[in-house]
Amino acid sequence: MSQSTAFDLVEGIEILERTPAVLRSLLTGLSPAWVRANEGGETWNAFDVVGHLIDGEETDWIPRTLIILGQGPNPRFEPFDRFRHRARNEGRPLADLLDEFERLRAENMTKLRDMRLTPAHLALKGIHPELGPVTLEQLLATWVSHDLDHLFQISRVMAKRYVAAAGPWTAYIKVLRS
């Protein structure tokens, strides 16, 4: 297991700004069998994840950052609708979602850089509806981890299409066993 380190905003931005290109490279031109595959039931596929990431760009990360920085009388975050993307993106092509995510993420990276956050800013707190008090540093570290988690999720779901076909090699392919 890798060693945990303190949050570094510059390093975090390195990941955040790359996520749209990673998704575009991985998903563009794939058949629906790849982008619509899920793990059964109501689990998410790659299309759902991209829609969810768009929702985060619009209603989560930067809006919550602004609530924290505003230090108003009510630093409570609005609850995040983790399923808003389903109705919102019905019938849309994946290419449109990738374009929208790329545009929104670029705008949010500009906003984040323009904030010129200091260690004092990162220590400010807001109130999460389920978790309680959280710092801006925790919010931003979670944004980075959230991106990486969903990239892993997409890879896992796609790989599991071939779990049976891999036969005994499944024992060596960790993503097929997770």
Protein backbone atom coordinates (compact mmCIF):
# COMPACT_ATOMS: atom_id res chain seq x y z
CA MET A 1 0.00 0.00 0.00
CA SER A 2 1.31 3.47 -0.82
CA GLN A 3 2.09 5.86 1.96
CA SER A 4 -0.48 8.56 2.76
CA THR A 5 0.74 12.11 2.31
CA ALA A 6 -0.57 15.55 3.16
CA PHE A 7 -2.78 17.22 0.60
CA ASP A 8 -0.96 19.34 -1.96
CA LEU A 9 -3.24 21.56 -4.07
CA VAL A 10 -0.85 21.81 -7.00
CA GLU A 11 -0.51 18.02 -7.15
CA GLY A 12 -4.26 17.63 -6.76
CA ILE A 13 -4.88 19.92 -9.71
CA GLU A 14 -2.51 17.75 -11.78
CA ILE A 15 -5.01 14.89 -11.43
CA LEU A 16 -8.19 16.96 -11.68
CA GLU A 17 -7.17 18.63 -14.93
CA ARG A 18 -6.29 15.30 -16.55
CA THR A 19 -9.47 13.38 -15.76
CA PRO A 20 -11.45 14.64 -18.80
CA ALA A 21 -8.68 13.61 -21.20
CA VAL A 22 -8.33 10.21 -19.54
CA LEU A 23 -12.07 9.60 -19.90
CA ARG A 24 -12.11 10.83 -23.49
CA SER A 25 -9.18 8.61 -24.43
CA LEU A 26 -10.63 5.55 -22.69
CA LEU A 27 -14.25 5.87 -23.81
CA THR A 28 -14.46 7.65 -27.17
CA GLY A 29 -15.48 5.35 -29.98
CA LEU A 30 -16.22 2.34 -27.82
CA SER A 31 -19.27 0.25 -28.53
CA PRO A 32 -22.28 0.51 -26.22
CA ALA A 33 -21.35 -2.92 -24.84
CA TRP A 34 -18.35 -1.27 -23.18
CA VAL A 35 -19.82 2.07 -22.06
CA ARG A 36 -23.20 0.68 -20.93
CA ALA A 37 -21.87 -2.42 -19.13
CA ASN A 38 -22.52 -2.46 -15.40
CA GLU A 39 -22.19 -4.89 -12.50
CA GLY A 40 -25.88 -5.73 -12.41
CA GLY A 41 -29.01 -4.17 -11.00
CA GLU A 42 -28.84 -0.44 -10.45
CA THR A 43 -25.03 -0.24 -10.58
CA TRP A 44 -23.39 2.39 -12.73
CA ASN A 45 -21.74 2.08 -16.11
CA ALA A 46 -19.16 4.40 -17.69
CA PHE A 47 -21.91 6.61 -19.16
CA ASP A 48 -23.46 7.04 -15.70
CA VAL A 49 -20.12 7.91 -14.15
CA VAL A 50 -19.44 10.67 -16.68
CA GLY A 51 -22.91 12.09 -15.99
CA HIS A 52 -22.26 11.93 -12.25
CA LEU A 53 -18.95 13.75 -12.68
CA ILE A 54 -20.75 16.52 -14.59
CA ASP A 55 -23.17 16.89 -11.70
CA GLY A 56 -20.24 17.27 -9.32
CA GLU A 57 -18.78 20.02 -11.46
CA GLU A 58 -22.08 21.90 -11.41
CA THR A 59 -23.35 21.36 -7.87
CA ASP A 60 -20.63 19.99 -5.60
CA TRP A 61 -16.95 20.87 -5.56
CA ILE A 62 -16.77 24.56 -6.47
CA PRO A 63 -20.15 25.52 -4.97
CA ARG A 64 -19.11 23.93 -1.66
CA THR A 65 -15.70 25.59 -1.87
CA LEU A 66 -17.44 28.95 -2.22
CA ILE A 67 -19.67 28.21 0.78
CA ILE A 68 -16.60 27.49 2.88
CA LEU A 69 -14.69 30.54 1.66
CA GLY A 70 -17.74 32.77 2.19
CA GLN A 71 -17.77 31.94 5.90
CA GLY A 72 -21.36 33.11 6.08
CA PRO A 73 -23.73 32.46 8.97
CA ASN A 74 -24.78 29.09 7.49
CA PRO A 75 -21.82 27.16 6.05
CA ARG A 76 -24.02 24.07 5.51
CA PHE A 77 -23.77 22.34 2.13
CA GLU A 78 -26.84 21.44 0.13
CA PRO A 79 -27.24 17.66 -0.15
CA PHE A 80 -25.72 16.26 -3.34
CA ASP A 81 -28.08 14.30 -5.58
CA ARG A 82 -25.96 11.32 -6.61
CA PHE A 83 -28.57 10.21 -9.14
CA ARG A 84 -29.45 13.52 -10.85
CA HIS A 85 -27.53 12.41 -13.93
CA ARG A 86 -29.89 9.56 -14.78
CA ALA A 87 -32.90 11.64 -15.87
CA ARG A 88 -30.77 14.57 -17.00
CA ASN A 89 -28.73 12.56 -19.51
CA GLU A 90 -31.30 10.14 -20.85
CA GLY A 91 -30.98 9.88 -24.63
CA ARG A 92 -27.80 11.96 -24.84
CA PRO A 93 -24.74 10.62 -26.66
CA LEU A 94 -21.63 9.94 -24.59
CA ALA A 95 -19.63 12.34 -26.78
CA ASP A 96 -21.85 15.21 -25.60
CA LEU A 97 -21.27 14.28 -21.98
CA LEU A 98 -17.51 14.09 -22.47
CA ASP A 99 -17.55 17.55 -24.10
CA GLU A 100 -19.64 19.00 -21.29
CA PHE A 101 -17.46 17.47 -18.59
CA GLU A 102 -14.30 18.74 -20.24
CA ARG A 103 -15.71 22.28 -20.51
CA LEU A 104 -17.01 22.38 -16.94
CA ARG A 105 -13.82 20.95 -15.49
CA ALA A 106 -11.68 23.49 -17.37
CA GLU A 107 -13.88 26.30 -16.04
CA ASN A 108 -13.63 24.94 -12.51
CA MET A 109 -9.85 24.56 -12.69
CA THR A 110 -9.63 28.22 -13.71
CA LYS A 111 -11.88 29.19 -10.79
CA LEU A 112 -9.87 27.06 -8.37
CA ARG A 113 -6.55 28.55 -9.48
CA ASP A 114 -7.97 32.08 -9.38
CA MET A 115 -8.90 31.58 -5.70
CA ARG A 116 -5.20 31.56 -4.78
CA LEU A 117 -5.88 29.39 -1.78
CA THR A 118 -3.57 29.58 1.23
CA PRO A 119 -3.11 27.14 4.11
CA ALA A 120 -5.43 29.39 6.13
CA HIS A 121 -8.14 28.97 3.48
CA LEU A 122 -7.66 25.20 3.42
CA ALA A 123 -8.29 25.07 7.20
CA LEU A 124 -11.69 26.80 6.92
CA LYS A 125 -14.74 24.64 7.55
CA GLY A 126 -18.14 23.99 6.08
CA ILE A 127 -20.81 21.59 7.24
CA HIS A 128 -21.55 18.48 5.22
CA PRO A 129 -25.18 17.27 5.56
CA GLU A 130 -24.07 13.76 6.60
CA LEU A 131 -20.45 14.06 7.74
CA GLY A 132 -20.66 17.27 9.77
CA PRO A 133 -17.76 19.75 9.88
CA VAL A 134 -15.21 19.35 7.08
CA THR A 135 -12.31 21.52 6.01
CA LEU A 136 -11.72 22.93 2.55
CA GLU A 137 -8.57 20.82 2.41
CA GLN A 138 -10.63 17.67 3.02
CA LEU A 139 -13.15 18.70 0.37
CA LEU A 140 -10.44 19.27 -2.25
CA ALA A 141 -8.55 16.08 -1.36
CA THR A 142 -11.83 14.21 -1.71
CA TRP A 143 -12.41 15.75 -5.15
CA VAL A 144 -9.10 14.28 -6.34
CA SER A 145 -9.76 10.91 -4.71
CA HIS A 146 -13.31 10.90 -6.11
CA ASP A 147 -11.99 11.26 -9.66
CA LEU A 148 -9.51 8.42 -9.15
CA ASP A 149 -12.18 6.26 -7.54
CA HIS A 150 -14.48 6.66 -10.53
CA LEU A 151 -11.66 5.98 -13.00
CA PHE A 152 -11.03 2.75 -11.11
CA GLN A 153 -14.76 1.98 -11.09
CA ILE A 154 -15.00 2.36 -14.87
CA SER A 155 -11.97 0.12 -15.39
CA ARG A 156 -13.32 -2.50 -12.99
CA VAL A 157 -16.77 -2.60 -14.58
CA MET A 158 -15.31 -2.82 -18.07
CA ALA A 159 -12.84 -5.54 -17.08
CA LYS A 160 -15.53 -7.65 -15.47
CA ARG A 161 -17.16 -8.13 -18.86
CA TYR A 162 -14.41 -10.70 -19.42
CA VAL A 163 -14.27 -12.33 -15.99
CA ALA A 164 -15.65 -15.64 -17.32
CA ALA A 165 -13.66 -15.46 -20.54
CA ALA A 166 -10.37 -15.03 -18.64
CA GLY A 167 -10.89 -18.41 -17.03
CA PRO A 168 -8.11 -19.42 -14.64
CA TRP A 169 -6.15 -16.22 -15.25
CA THR A 170 -8.74 -14.46 -13.13
CA ALA A 171 -6.60 -15.55 -10.19
CA TYR A 172 -3.86 -13.19 -11.43
CA ILE A 173 -6.01 -10.22 -12.48
CA LYS A 174 -6.91 -8.23 -9.38
CA VAL A 175 -9.48 -6.01 -11.11
CA LEU A 176 -11.49 -9.12 -12.01
CA ARG A 177 -11.64 -10.15 -8.37
CA SER A 178 -12.56 -6.76 -6.84
